[in-house]
N, C-alpha and C. Protein backbone atom coordinates (compact mmCIF):
# COMPACT_ATOMS: atom_id res chain seq x y z
N MET A 1 4.06 21.35 -68.99
CA MET A 1 4.85 22.21 -67.98
C MET A 1 5.90 22.16 -68.17
N GLU A 2 7.06 23.35 -68.75
CA GLU A 2 7.95 23.43 -68.97
C GLU A 2 8.90 22.64 -67.70
N LYS A 3 10.15 22.35 -68.08
CA LYS A 3 11.20 21.70 -67.09
C LYS A 3 11.37 22.74 -65.97
N GLU A 4 11.72 24.18 -66.52
CA GLU A 4 11.96 25.01 -65.43
C GLU A 4 10.87 25.22 -64.59
N THR A 5 9.75 25.07 -65.09
CA THR A 5 8.59 25.83 -64.07
C THR A 5 8.12 24.46 -63.20
N ILE A 6 8.31 23.26 -63.39
CA ILE A 6 8.26 22.17 -62.53
C ILE A 6 9.49 21.98 -61.38
N LEU A 7 10.53 22.27 -62.15
CA LEU A 7 11.73 22.74 -60.85
C LEU A 7 11.26 23.54 -59.83
N GLN A 8 11.11 24.87 -60.51
CA GLN A 8 10.95 25.58 -59.62
C GLN A 8 9.60 25.43 -58.95
N THR A 9 8.65 25.14 -59.29
CA THR A 9 7.21 24.84 -58.43
C THR A 9 8.07 23.42 -57.12
N TYR A 10 8.72 22.55 -57.44
CA TYR A 10 9.04 21.72 -56.55
C TYR A 10 9.77 22.33 -55.36
N ILE A 11 10.82 23.20 -56.09
CA ILE A 11 12.16 23.87 -55.12
C ILE A 11 10.74 24.74 -54.04
N ASP A 12 10.13 25.51 -54.96
CA ASP A 12 9.16 26.34 -53.94
C ASP A 12 8.36 25.48 -52.65
N HIS A 13 7.80 24.30 -53.11
CA HIS A 13 6.89 24.03 -52.38
C HIS A 13 8.05 23.23 -51.34
N TYR A 14 9.62 22.28 -51.50
CA TYR A 14 10.07 22.06 -50.75
C TYR A 14 10.49 23.43 -49.71
N LYS A 15 10.74 24.17 -49.94
CA LYS A 15 10.94 25.30 -48.99
C LYS A 15 9.85 25.73 -48.05
N ASP A 16 8.66 25.70 -48.68
CA ASP A 16 7.80 26.00 -47.56
C ASP A 16 7.39 24.88 -46.96
N SER A 17 7.79 23.65 -47.16
CA SER A 17 7.75 22.49 -46.39
C SER A 17 8.79 22.60 -44.77
N TYR A 18 9.91 22.85 -45.65
CA TYR A 18 10.94 22.81 -44.90
C TYR A 18 10.95 23.87 -43.92
N GLU A 19 10.11 24.86 -43.98
CA GLU A 19 10.15 26.08 -43.31
C GLU A 19 8.99 25.68 -42.19
N LEU A 20 8.15 24.87 -42.20
CA LEU A 20 6.82 24.23 -42.12
C LEU A 20 7.89 23.65 -40.84
N VAL A 21 8.66 22.85 -41.14
CA VAL A 21 9.39 21.51 -40.19
C VAL A 21 10.12 22.23 -39.17
N LYS A 22 10.98 23.58 -39.48
CA LYS A 22 11.69 24.05 -38.61
C LYS A 22 11.00 24.45 -37.84
N ASN A 23 9.68 25.41 -38.01
CA ASN A 23 8.96 26.12 -37.39
C ASN A 23 8.57 25.33 -35.69
N ALA A 24 7.79 23.41 -36.74
CA ALA A 24 7.49 22.87 -35.59
C ALA A 24 8.71 22.35 -34.57
N GLN A 25 10.32 22.21 -35.55
CA GLN A 25 11.03 21.84 -34.28
C GLN A 25 10.92 22.89 -33.31
N ALA A 26 11.18 23.71 -33.35
CA ALA A 26 11.26 25.38 -32.43
C ALA A 26 10.07 25.17 -31.72
N GLY A 27 8.69 25.07 -32.24
CA GLY A 27 7.66 24.74 -30.94
C GLY A 27 7.79 23.12 -29.98
N ARG A 28 8.42 22.36 -30.50
CA ARG A 28 8.47 20.70 -30.32
C ARG A 28 9.94 20.92 -28.75
N ASN A 29 11.06 21.86 -29.24
CA ASN A 29 12.01 22.67 -28.76
C ASN A 29 11.56 22.84 -26.67
N LYS A 30 10.62 23.75 -27.33
CA LYS A 30 9.97 25.05 -26.28
C LYS A 30 9.07 24.36 -25.46
N SER A 31 8.57 23.16 -26.34
CA SER A 31 7.42 22.27 -25.23
C SER A 31 8.11 21.36 -24.43
N PHE A 32 9.28 20.46 -25.15
CA PHE A 32 10.12 20.04 -24.08
C PHE A 32 10.55 20.67 -23.10
N VAL A 33 11.13 21.55 -23.52
CA VAL A 33 11.80 22.37 -21.95
C VAL A 33 10.50 22.42 -21.08
N GLY A 34 9.04 23.26 -21.22
CA GLY A 34 8.23 23.49 -20.74
C GLY A 34 7.94 22.03 -19.65
N LEU A 35 7.87 21.26 -20.69
CA LEU A 35 7.09 19.61 -20.15
C LEU A 35 8.23 19.19 -18.96
N CYS A 36 9.87 19.51 -19.47
CA CYS A 36 10.57 19.14 -18.29
C CYS A 36 10.61 19.99 -17.08
N ILE A 37 10.36 21.30 -17.22
CA ILE A 37 9.67 22.24 -15.91
C ILE A 37 8.86 21.80 -15.17
N LEU A 38 7.65 21.56 -15.79
CA LEU A 38 6.84 20.82 -15.01
C LEU A 38 6.60 19.62 -14.47
N GLU A 39 7.58 18.96 -15.20
CA GLU A 39 7.78 17.33 -14.37
C GLU A 39 8.88 17.65 -13.03
N ALA A 40 9.72 18.93 -13.65
CA ALA A 40 10.55 19.06 -12.28
C ALA A 40 9.93 19.28 -10.82
N ILE A 41 8.79 20.22 -10.96
CA ILE A 41 7.72 20.94 -10.31
C ILE A 41 7.39 19.54 -9.57
N SER A 42 6.84 18.97 -10.55
CA SER A 42 5.92 17.52 -10.11
C SER A 42 6.93 16.70 -9.36
N PHE A 43 8.22 16.59 -9.29
CA PHE A 43 9.09 15.73 -8.81
C PHE A 43 9.36 16.21 -7.82
N LEU A 44 9.62 17.71 -7.57
CA LEU A 44 9.61 18.32 -6.31
C LEU A 44 8.56 18.09 -5.09
N LEU A 45 7.41 17.98 -5.65
CA LEU A 45 6.11 18.09 -5.01
C LEU A 45 6.33 16.49 -3.82
N ILE A 46 7.05 15.75 -4.57
CA ILE A 46 6.60 14.30 -4.19
C ILE A 46 7.85 14.30 -2.69
N ILE A 47 9.39 15.46 -3.22
CA ILE A 47 10.14 15.19 -1.98
C ILE A 47 10.17 16.15 -1.04
N ASN A 48 9.40 17.52 -1.35
CA ASN A 48 9.35 18.79 -0.52
C ASN A 48 7.75 19.79 -1.19
N PRO A 49 6.40 19.25 -0.78
CA PRO A 49 5.22 19.69 -0.89
C PRO A 49 5.21 21.05 -1.01
N ASP A 50 5.71 21.13 0.65
CA ASP A 50 5.34 22.51 0.99
C ASP A 50 6.02 23.38 1.01
N LEU A 51 7.71 23.36 0.86
CA LEU A 51 8.46 24.35 0.24
C LEU A 51 7.80 24.60 -1.06
N ILE A 52 7.67 23.64 -2.01
CA ILE A 52 7.13 23.93 -3.27
C ILE A 52 5.82 25.03 -3.36
N TYR A 53 4.54 24.48 -2.89
CA TYR A 53 3.42 24.95 -2.75
C TYR A 53 3.74 26.44 -2.65
N GLY A 54 4.50 26.58 -1.34
CA GLY A 54 4.81 28.26 -0.82
C GLY A 54 5.82 28.49 -1.85
N LEU A 55 6.47 28.22 -2.55
CA LEU A 55 6.88 29.05 -3.33
C LEU A 55 6.16 29.28 -4.87
N LEU A 56 5.05 28.92 -5.27
CA LEU A 56 4.04 28.75 -6.39
C LEU A 56 3.46 29.73 -5.54
N LYS A 57 2.71 29.52 -4.70
CA LYS A 57 1.74 30.69 -4.38
C LYS A 57 2.52 32.14 -4.27
N GLU A 58 3.66 31.93 -3.99
CA GLU A 58 4.30 33.64 -3.97
C GLU A 58 4.97 34.26 -4.83
N THR A 59 5.11 33.21 -6.01
CA THR A 59 5.36 33.49 -7.37
C THR A 59 3.91 33.91 -8.06
N ILE A 60 2.62 33.21 -7.89
CA ILE A 60 2.00 33.44 -8.66
C ILE A 60 1.09 35.11 -7.82
N SER A 61 1.44 35.40 -6.72
CA SER A 61 0.95 36.41 -5.75
C SER A 61 1.56 37.79 -6.52
N GLU A 62 2.80 37.49 -6.77
CA GLU A 62 3.71 38.36 -7.07
C GLU A 62 3.77 38.58 -8.81
N LYS A 63 3.30 38.14 -9.45
CA LYS A 63 3.14 38.04 -11.15
C LYS A 63 1.73 38.72 -11.39
N LEU A 64 0.63 38.18 -10.17
CA LEU A 64 -1.21 38.52 -10.73
C LEU A 64 -1.16 39.97 -9.96
N GLU A 65 -0.03 40.01 -8.88
CA GLU A 65 -0.51 41.49 -7.93
C GLU A 65 -1.87 41.45 -7.33
N THR A 66 -1.93 39.85 -6.52
CA THR A 66 -2.83 39.71 -5.90
C THR A 66 -2.64 39.34 -4.67
N THR A 67 -3.82 39.05 -3.65
CA THR A 67 -3.53 38.41 -2.52
C THR A 67 -4.30 37.02 -2.37
N VAL A 68 -5.25 37.12 -3.38
CA VAL A 68 -5.90 35.76 -3.11
C VAL A 68 -5.52 34.38 -3.15
N LEU A 69 -5.39 33.63 -1.81
CA LEU A 69 -4.75 32.28 -1.86
C LEU A 69 -5.31 31.34 -2.35
N LEU A 70 -4.68 30.50 -2.75
CA LEU A 70 -5.10 29.72 -3.50
C LEU A 70 -4.87 28.06 -2.76
N GLY A 71 -5.40 27.11 -2.62
CA GLY A 71 -5.43 26.11 -2.00
C GLY A 71 -4.22 24.98 -2.28
N ASN A 72 -3.52 24.09 -1.94
CA ASN A 72 -2.70 23.40 -2.14
C ASN A 72 -3.67 21.94 -3.69
N ALA A 73 -4.72 21.95 -3.18
CA ALA A 73 -5.49 21.10 -3.82
C ALA A 73 -5.40 21.64 -5.68
N ILE A 74 -5.88 22.88 -5.39
CA ILE A 74 -6.35 23.55 -6.39
C ILE A 74 -4.75 24.11 -7.94
N LEU A 75 -3.44 24.25 -6.70
CA LEU A 75 -2.32 24.37 -7.29
C LEU A 75 -2.13 23.05 -7.53
N GLN A 76 -2.06 21.64 -7.41
CA GLN A 76 -1.68 20.60 -7.80
C GLN A 76 -2.45 20.12 -8.98
N SER A 77 -3.93 20.39 -9.08
CA SER A 77 -4.49 20.42 -10.20
C SER A 77 -3.93 21.43 -11.67
N PHE A 78 -3.83 22.22 -11.15
CA PHE A 78 -3.36 23.19 -12.03
C PHE A 78 -2.21 22.94 -12.80
N ILE A 79 -0.91 22.14 -12.19
CA ILE A 79 0.12 21.43 -12.55
C ILE A 79 -0.34 20.52 -13.44
N TRP A 80 -1.64 19.60 -13.23
CA TRP A 80 -1.56 18.23 -13.91
C TRP A 80 -2.34 18.86 -15.27
N VAL A 81 -2.86 19.89 -15.15
CA VAL A 81 -3.51 20.43 -16.57
C VAL A 81 -2.46 20.90 -17.36
N LEU A 82 -1.45 21.55 -17.08
CA LEU A 82 -0.42 22.11 -17.77
C LEU A 82 0.37 21.29 -18.21
N ILE A 83 0.65 20.06 -17.18
CA ILE A 83 1.65 19.01 -18.06
C ILE A 83 0.81 18.41 -19.10
N ALA A 84 -0.56 17.78 -18.84
CA ALA A 84 -1.38 17.17 -20.15
C ALA A 84 -1.38 18.40 -21.09
N TYR A 85 -1.56 19.29 -21.03
CA TYR A 85 -1.67 20.02 -22.40
C TYR A 85 -0.05 20.10 -22.65
N VAL A 86 0.56 20.74 -22.31
CA VAL A 86 2.22 20.99 -22.93
C VAL A 86 2.33 19.32 -23.54
N LEU A 87 2.24 18.34 -23.03
CA LEU A 87 2.66 17.10 -23.56
C LEU A 87 1.91 16.60 -24.75
N ILE A 88 0.81 17.42 -25.26
CA ILE A 88 -0.13 17.15 -25.73
C ILE A 88 0.88 17.97 -27.04
N ARG A 89 0.95 19.19 -26.73
CA ARG A 89 1.57 20.09 -27.85
C ARG A 89 3.58 19.35 -28.14
N TYR A 90 3.64 18.66 -27.10
CA TYR A 90 5.17 18.44 -27.42
C TYR A 90 4.85 17.16 -28.45
N ILE A 91 3.87 16.09 -28.50
CA ILE A 91 3.46 15.25 -29.06
C ILE A 91 3.25 15.41 -30.56
N GLN A 92 2.14 16.40 -30.75
CA GLN A 92 2.11 16.82 -31.73
C GLN A 92 2.99 17.73 -32.78
N PHE A 93 3.95 18.53 -31.84
CA PHE A 93 5.25 18.62 -32.72
C PHE A 93 5.75 17.56 -33.18
N THR A 94 6.25 16.77 -32.22
CA THR A 94 6.98 15.39 -32.77
C THR A 94 6.69 14.43 -33.93
N MET A 95 5.53 14.07 -33.60
CA MET A 95 4.76 13.55 -34.65
C MET A 95 4.91 14.03 -35.82
N TYR A 96 4.35 15.21 -36.10
CA TYR A 96 4.34 15.88 -37.41
C TYR A 96 5.69 15.76 -38.09
N ILE A 97 6.83 16.15 -36.91
CA ILE A 97 8.14 16.57 -37.79
C ILE A 97 8.36 15.09 -38.44
N GLU A 98 7.95 13.84 -37.38
CA GLU A 98 8.54 12.63 -37.84
C GLU A 98 7.88 12.09 -39.16
N ARG A 99 6.84 12.44 -38.97
CA ARG A 99 5.91 12.27 -40.52
C ARG A 99 6.20 13.31 -41.72
N GLN A 100 6.69 14.63 -41.16
CA GLN A 100 7.54 15.15 -42.67
C GLN A 100 8.66 14.54 -43.36
N TYR A 101 9.51 14.19 -42.41
CA TYR A 101 10.74 13.54 -43.23
C TYR A 101 10.51 12.65 -44.30
N SER A 102 9.70 11.53 -44.14
CA SER A 102 9.55 10.78 -45.32
C SER A 102 9.15 12.16 -46.79
N TYR A 103 8.17 12.59 -46.62
CA TYR A 103 8.02 13.56 -47.02
C TYR A 103 8.86 14.57 -47.84
N LEU A 104 9.37 14.96 -47.22
CA LEU A 104 10.61 15.82 -47.72
C LEU A 104 11.60 15.00 -48.76
N ASP A 105 11.92 13.90 -48.25
CA ASP A 105 12.91 12.52 -48.76
C ASP A 105 12.08 12.72 -50.02
N LYS A 106 10.68 12.45 -50.44
CA LYS A 106 10.21 12.36 -51.42
C LYS A 106 10.04 13.56 -52.42
N LEU A 107 10.20 14.63 -51.94
CA LEU A 107 10.32 15.79 -52.04
C LEU A 107 11.58 15.94 -53.09
N GLU A 108 12.93 15.71 -52.12
CA GLU A 108 14.62 15.44 -52.59
C GLU A 108 14.58 14.99 -53.82
N GLY A 109 13.48 13.39 -53.92
CA GLY A 109 13.87 12.82 -55.17
C GLY A 109 13.15 12.95 -56.67
N LYS A 110 11.71 13.92 -56.19
CA LYS A 110 11.33 14.53 -57.29
C LYS A 110 12.69 15.86 -57.80
N VAL A 111 13.00 16.34 -57.19
CA VAL A 111 13.66 17.45 -57.73
C VAL A 111 15.02 16.77 -58.13
N GLN A 112 15.55 15.85 -57.50
CA GLN A 112 16.61 15.11 -58.40
C GLN A 112 16.31 14.68 -59.60
N GLU A 113 15.16 14.11 -60.11
CA GLU A 113 14.92 13.76 -61.28
C GLU A 113 14.65 14.58 -62.05
N VAL A 114 14.08 15.87 -62.03
CA VAL A 114 14.14 17.16 -63.20
C VAL A 114 15.90 17.47 -63.14
N MET A 115 16.44 17.44 -62.00
CA MET A 115 17.75 18.23 -62.23
C MET A 115 18.74 17.22 -62.55
N GLY A 116 18.81 15.77 -62.59
CA GLY A 116 19.41 15.23 -63.30
C GLY A 116 20.18 13.96 -62.18
N LYS A 117 20.50 13.01 -62.72
CA LYS A 117 21.04 11.99 -61.90
C LYS A 117 22.53 12.34 -61.05
N ASP A 118 23.35 13.25 -61.60
CA ASP A 118 24.19 14.00 -61.25
C ASP A 118 24.08 15.17 -60.02
N SER A 119 23.08 15.44 -59.64
CA SER A 119 22.47 16.96 -59.13
C SER A 119 22.67 16.19 -57.41
N ILE A 120 22.94 17.19 -56.73
CA ILE A 120 22.98 17.01 -55.26
C ILE A 120 21.78 17.84 -54.15
N PHE A 121 20.61 16.77 -53.95
CA PHE A 121 20.02 17.58 -53.48
C PHE A 121 19.11 16.60 -52.56
N ASP A 122 19.46 16.04 -51.38
CA ASP A 122 18.98 15.19 -50.11
C ASP A 122 19.63 14.87 -48.92
N ARG A 123 20.25 16.71 -49.07
CA ARG A 123 20.15 17.05 -47.82
C ARG A 123 19.19 16.44 -46.74
N GLU A 124 17.87 16.11 -46.43
CA GLU A 124 16.90 15.39 -45.47
C GLU A 124 16.77 13.97 -45.54
N GLY A 125 17.46 13.89 -47.06
CA GLY A 125 16.81 12.29 -46.89
C GLY A 125 18.14 11.43 -46.70
N ALA A 126 18.72 11.03 -47.98
CA ALA A 126 19.70 10.09 -47.81
C ALA A 126 21.23 10.59 -47.30
N ASN A 127 21.24 11.68 -47.67
CA ASN A 127 22.45 12.23 -47.51
C ASN A 127 22.63 12.35 -45.85
N TYR A 128 21.41 12.66 -44.91
CA TYR A 128 21.17 12.87 -43.41
C TYR A 128 21.54 11.59 -42.64
N LEU A 129 21.21 10.79 -43.15
CA LEU A 129 21.19 9.27 -42.68
C LEU A 129 22.77 8.59 -43.06
N ARG A 130 23.10 9.16 -44.03
CA ARG A 130 24.84 8.20 -44.64
C ARG A 130 25.51 9.15 -43.33
N ASP A 131 26.25 7.88 -42.86
CA ASP A 131 27.41 7.70 -41.72
C ASP A 131 26.67 8.46 -40.47
N TYR A 132 25.44 8.17 -40.22
CA TYR A 132 25.00 8.51 -38.88
C TYR A 132 25.88 8.33 -37.74
N PRO A 133 26.08 8.95 -36.88
CA PRO A 133 26.88 9.45 -35.77
C PRO A 133 26.16 8.43 -34.63
N ILE A 134 26.91 7.50 -33.85
CA ILE A 134 26.01 6.95 -32.88
C ILE A 134 25.84 7.76 -31.45
N VAL A 135 26.45 8.63 -31.28
CA VAL A 135 26.24 9.52 -30.58
C VAL A 135 24.93 10.24 -30.77
N LEU A 136 24.19 10.69 -31.90
CA LEU A 136 23.00 11.34 -32.34
C LEU A 136 21.82 10.14 -31.98
N ASN A 137 22.33 8.66 -32.30
CA ASN A 137 21.48 7.82 -31.89
C ASN A 137 21.09 7.96 -30.55
N LEU A 138 22.31 7.78 -29.44
CA LEU A 138 21.97 8.24 -27.99
C LEU A 138 20.97 9.20 -27.59
N ILE A 139 21.36 10.35 -28.43
CA ILE A 139 20.47 11.35 -28.18
C ILE A 139 19.08 11.30 -28.56
N ASP A 140 19.01 10.54 -29.47
CA ASP A 140 17.77 10.15 -30.15
C ASP A 140 16.85 9.15 -28.83
N LEU A 141 17.34 8.16 -28.77
CA LEU A 141 17.19 7.60 -27.25
C LEU A 141 16.79 8.20 -25.86
N PHE A 142 17.52 9.18 -25.89
CA PHE A 142 17.40 9.73 -25.16
C PHE A 142 16.16 10.61 -24.62
N TYR A 143 15.85 11.20 -25.85
CA TYR A 143 14.67 12.07 -25.92
C TYR A 143 13.11 10.70 -26.14
N LYS A 144 13.46 9.84 -26.74
CA LYS A 144 12.36 9.18 -27.19
C LYS A 144 12.12 8.03 -26.45
N MET A 145 13.17 7.36 -25.55
CA MET A 145 12.38 6.38 -24.69
C MET A 145 12.51 6.78 -23.57
N PHE A 146 14.17 7.45 -23.38
CA PHE A 146 14.40 7.35 -21.36
C PHE A 146 13.10 8.44 -20.82
N CYS A 147 13.15 9.48 -21.52
CA CYS A 147 12.45 11.05 -21.34
C CYS A 147 10.69 10.48 -21.23
N PRO A 148 9.83 9.29 -21.91
CA PRO A 148 8.72 8.99 -21.78
C PRO A 148 8.73 8.70 -20.24
N ILE A 149 9.39 7.19 -20.43
CA ILE A 149 9.74 6.28 -19.17
C ILE A 149 9.88 7.14 -17.93
N PHE A 150 10.63 7.89 -17.93
CA PHE A 150 11.21 9.01 -16.62
C PHE A 150 9.40 9.62 -16.38
N PHE A 151 9.18 9.97 -17.23
CA PHE A 151 8.13 11.41 -17.21
C PHE A 151 6.68 10.43 -16.52
N ALA A 152 6.68 8.96 -17.14
CA ALA A 152 5.80 8.50 -16.48
C ALA A 152 5.72 7.61 -15.43
N CYS A 153 7.06 7.66 -14.57
CA CYS A 153 7.24 7.18 -13.38
C CYS A 153 6.45 8.21 -12.60
N VAL A 154 7.49 9.16 -12.97
CA VAL A 154 7.26 10.44 -11.78
C VAL A 154 5.99 11.03 -11.75
N ASN A 155 4.93 10.90 -12.75
CA ASN A 155 3.46 11.31 -12.54
C ASN A 155 2.92 9.87 -11.73
N THR A 156 3.12 8.54 -11.95
CA THR A 156 2.43 7.77 -11.45
C THR A 156 2.97 7.75 -9.70
N VAL A 157 4.28 8.27 -9.32
CA VAL A 157 4.30 7.98 -8.12
C VAL A 157 4.12 9.12 -7.24
N HIS A 158 3.66 10.56 -8.27
CA HIS A 158 3.21 11.65 -7.70
C HIS A 158 1.25 11.48 -7.40
N ILE A 159 0.72 10.63 -8.14
CA ILE A 159 -0.63 10.41 -8.08
C ILE A 159 -1.07 9.52 -6.89
N ASN A 160 0.18 8.41 -6.92
CA ASN A 160 -0.10 7.27 -5.83
C ASN A 160 0.23 8.21 -4.53
N LEU A 161 0.62 9.36 -4.51
CA LEU A 161 0.97 9.92 -3.32
C LEU A 161 -0.05 10.84 -2.75
N GLU A 162 -0.72 11.37 -3.97
CA GLU A 162 -1.95 11.89 -3.46
C GLU A 162 -2.89 11.28 -2.86
N TRP A 163 -3.00 10.17 -2.78
CA TRP A 163 -3.91 9.08 -2.82
C TRP A 163 -3.61 8.62 -1.72
N ARG A 164 -2.72 8.16 -1.52
CA ARG A 164 -2.02 7.81 -0.26
C ARG A 164 -1.94 8.99 0.94
N ASP A 165 -2.23 10.30 0.95
CA ASP A 165 -1.93 11.48 1.43
C ASP A 165 -3.73 12.42 1.62
N ALA A 166 -4.68 11.55 0.61
CA ALA A 166 -5.64 12.16 1.14
C ALA A 166 -6.49 11.45 2.23
N SER A 167 -7.29 12.34 2.63
CA SER A 167 -7.99 11.94 4.19
C SER A 167 -9.96 11.50 3.33
N VAL A 168 -10.17 12.47 2.35
CA VAL A 168 -11.26 12.23 1.41
C VAL A 168 -11.20 11.86 0.03
N VAL A 169 -12.09 11.51 -0.68
CA VAL A 169 -11.76 11.31 -2.38
C VAL A 169 -12.41 12.30 -2.65
N GLY A 170 -11.73 13.98 -2.68
CA GLY A 170 -12.49 14.83 -3.52
C GLY A 170 -12.81 14.93 -4.69
N LEU A 171 -13.36 16.02 -5.40
CA LEU A 171 -13.39 16.27 -6.59
C LEU A 171 -11.90 16.46 -7.45
N ALA A 172 -10.91 17.37 -6.13
CA ALA A 172 -9.73 17.40 -7.19
C ALA A 172 -8.91 16.23 -7.18
N LEU A 173 -9.39 15.13 -6.02
CA LEU A 173 -8.34 14.05 -6.55
C LEU A 173 -8.83 13.42 -7.63
N VAL A 174 -10.40 13.32 -7.82
CA VAL A 174 -11.00 12.60 -9.12
C VAL A 174 -10.01 13.29 -10.16
N VAL A 175 -10.66 14.61 -10.33
CA VAL A 175 -9.87 15.49 -11.59
C VAL A 175 -8.48 14.95 -11.82
N ASP A 176 -7.71 15.17 -10.88
CA ASP A 176 -5.73 14.69 -11.15
C ASP A 176 -5.71 13.80 -11.84
N THR A 177 -6.59 12.49 -10.73
CA THR A 177 -6.34 10.83 -11.61
C THR A 177 -6.52 10.52 -12.91
N ILE A 178 -8.08 11.18 -13.21
CA ILE A 178 -8.40 11.45 -14.78
C ILE A 178 -7.03 11.81 -15.19
N ILE A 179 -6.91 13.22 -15.33
CA ILE A 179 -6.04 13.61 -15.92
C ILE A 179 -4.40 13.26 -15.96
N TYR A 180 -4.36 12.27 -14.91
CA TYR A 180 -3.04 11.19 -14.59
C TYR A 180 -3.16 10.13 -16.10
N VAL A 181 -4.51 9.56 -16.01
CA VAL A 181 -4.70 8.61 -16.54
C VAL A 181 -4.58 8.67 -18.54
N VAL A 182 -5.31 10.41 -18.44
CA VAL A 182 -4.93 10.69 -19.85
C VAL A 182 -3.38 11.10 -20.48
N ILE A 183 -2.54 11.27 -19.05
CA ILE A 183 -1.45 11.70 -19.53
C ILE A 183 -0.58 10.61 -19.66
N ILE A 184 -0.88 9.17 -19.05
CA ILE A 184 -0.43 8.08 -18.99
C ILE A 184 -0.83 7.41 -20.75
N LEU A 185 -1.90 7.58 -21.05
CA LEU A 185 -2.35 6.85 -22.31
C LEU A 185 -1.61 7.65 -23.84
N LEU A 186 -1.46 9.29 -23.21
CA LEU A 186 -0.76 9.28 -24.60
C LEU A 186 0.47 9.29 -24.60
N ILE A 187 1.36 8.95 -23.58
CA ILE A 187 2.75 8.33 -23.10
C ILE A 187 2.77 7.12 -23.88
N TRP A 188 1.92 6.33 -23.81
CA TRP A 188 1.90 5.27 -24.15
C TRP A 188 1.59 4.60 -25.45
N PHE A 189 0.79 5.65 -26.23
CA PHE A 189 0.57 5.47 -27.34
C PHE A 189 1.66 6.33 -28.40
N TYR A 190 2.34 7.25 -27.48
CA TYR A 190 3.49 8.08 -28.05
C TYR A 190 4.46 7.07 -28.21
N PHE A 191 4.77 6.90 -27.52
CA PHE A 191 6.07 5.46 -27.40
C PHE A 191 6.39 4.44 -28.31
N PHE A 192 5.08 3.86 -28.58
CA PHE A 192 4.64 2.96 -29.44
C PHE A 192 4.60 3.36 -30.99
N GLU A 193 4.11 4.65 -30.92
CA GLU A 193 4.10 4.95 -32.30
C GLU A 193 5.19 5.82 -32.93
N ILE A 194 6.27 5.72 -32.02
CA ILE A 194 7.73 6.38 -32.42
C ILE A 194 8.62 5.30 -32.50
N HIS A 195 8.29 4.26 -32.07
CA HIS A 195 9.49 2.66 -31.99
C HIS A 195 8.94 2.13 -32.94
N ASP A 196 8.86 1.92 -34.00
CA ASP A 196 8.13 0.67 -34.76
C ASP A 196 8.29 -0.39 -34.28
N LYS A 197 9.81 -0.67 -34.04
CA LYS A 197 10.33 -1.96 -33.72
C LYS A 197 10.04 -2.43 -32.46
N ILE A 198 9.91 -1.75 -31.64
CA ILE A 198 9.69 -2.53 -30.22
C ILE A 198 7.91 -2.89 -30.00
N SER A 199 6.96 -1.65 -31.11
CA SER A 199 5.76 -1.77 -31.06
C SER A 199 5.33 -3.23 -31.97
N LYS A 200 6.08 -3.47 -33.79
CA LYS A 200 6.34 -5.04 -33.77
C LYS A 200 6.47 -5.80 -33.23
N TRP A 201 7.54 -5.60 -32.39
CA TRP A 201 7.64 -7.17 -31.35
C TRP A 201 6.63 -7.23 -30.70
N CYS A 202 6.30 -6.50 -29.81
CA CYS A 202 5.08 -6.83 -28.76
C CYS A 202 4.17 -7.43 -29.54
N LYS A 203 3.28 -6.57 -30.68
CA LYS A 203 2.43 -7.12 -31.31
C LYS A 203 2.68 -8.58 -31.77
N GLU A 204 4.13 -8.73 -32.14
CA GLU A 204 4.16 -10.36 -32.53
C GLU A 204 4.21 -11.67 -30.92
N HIS A 205 4.94 -11.18 -30.30
CA HIS A 205 5.70 -11.93 -28.90
C HIS A 205 4.18 -11.52 -27.83
N ILE A 206 3.55 -10.59 -27.83
CA ILE A 206 2.81 -10.48 -26.19
C ILE A 206 1.32 -11.23 -26.98
N ILE A 207 0.75 -11.93 -25.95
CA ILE A 207 -0.62 -12.07 -26.33
C ILE A 207 -1.75 -10.97 -26.48
N GLY A 208 -2.21 -10.74 -27.26
CA GLY A 208 -3.59 -9.76 -27.11
C GLY A 208 -3.06 -8.62 -27.68
N VAL A 209 -1.67 -8.13 -27.72
CA VAL A 209 -1.44 -6.67 -27.64
C VAL A 209 -1.54 -6.35 -29.09
N ARG A 210 -1.73 -7.88 -30.04
CA ARG A 210 -2.00 -7.11 -31.53
C ARG A 210 -3.63 -6.48 -31.53
N CYS A 211 -4.38 -7.56 -31.24
CA CYS A 211 -5.89 -7.02 -31.05
C CYS A 211 -6.10 -5.99 -30.71
N ILE A 212 -5.71 -6.07 -29.27
CA ILE A 212 -6.03 -4.75 -28.78
C ILE A 212 -5.70 -3.42 -29.77
N SER A 213 -4.22 -3.55 -30.14
CA SER A 213 -3.93 -2.34 -30.79
C SER A 213 -5.00 -2.17 -31.94
N GLU A 214 -5.19 -3.35 -32.94
CA GLU A 214 -5.99 -3.24 -33.97
C GLU A 214 -7.41 -2.55 -33.59
N LYS A 215 -8.08 -2.80 -32.34
CA LYS A 215 -9.62 -2.11 -32.02
C LYS A 215 -9.10 -0.82 -31.91
N LEU A 216 -8.33 -0.32 -31.05
CA LEU A 216 -8.04 0.95 -30.65
C LEU A 216 -7.99 1.50 -31.84
N HIS A 217 -6.82 1.11 -33.25
CA HIS A 217 -6.89 2.09 -34.25
C HIS A 217 -8.25 2.67 -34.74
N LYS A 218 -9.20 0.97 -34.68
CA LYS A 218 -10.42 1.50 -35.51
C LYS A 218 -11.39 2.16 -34.89
N ILE A 219 -11.11 2.12 -33.39
CA ILE A 219 -12.08 3.31 -32.81
C ILE A 219 -11.38 4.89 -32.80
N LEU A 220 -10.12 4.96 -32.89
CA LEU A 220 -9.93 6.18 -32.48
C LEU A 220 -9.90 6.99 -33.85
N LYS A 221 -9.67 6.28 -35.45
CA LYS A 221 -9.94 5.96 -36.65
C LYS A 221 -11.19 6.85 -37.05
N TYR A 222 -12.28 6.21 -36.51
CA TYR A 222 -13.40 7.03 -36.43
C TYR A 222 -13.93 8.20 -35.61
N VAL A 223 -13.28 8.31 -34.34
CA VAL A 223 -13.48 9.61 -33.47
C VAL A 223 -13.51 11.03 -34.01
């Protein structure tokens, strides 16, 4: 295969791969905004549930043009489901983007090999990380550390208040609790997948973490 053909193949594949990453970034950003809105609603339900339930019922009635009355338990479960779904989409987009960075870097390396040592084709690789601004590190920590912990805390307080205020353990409360557990597990795995150094430290210094991690990876690998 001629050099020009190889180069064009690499460049075309790089363009397609970069476009997929950009689309994933747009999806991640939308999911994050949606997640923030839902978590804000969940937080407000902790502070003033009657007001939020009233606003939700009024909004749903206007949008659907119906007079069907929805109970607070149904609305609450619906919010839990939405949080879980949007969180899943956000994690999927984020993990896809993180996994593609190294792939784009390798593609840029291949293009540089064909073009020669003096070529400049490393926008997403070495050039992006060169003199990386500290403020971007802070923003990265906000997205990847503060937000997951904050969301986990909000959801934990929310489910605890549900149990505290429940006169009987009904189906809605059980469903909400199951969804809450799923949300916490998703946040837990996402947090440690995205923070390699923290994950490595926990495996080395906390007894049992490495064993549990290895067993979970083996189980989930074959699911």
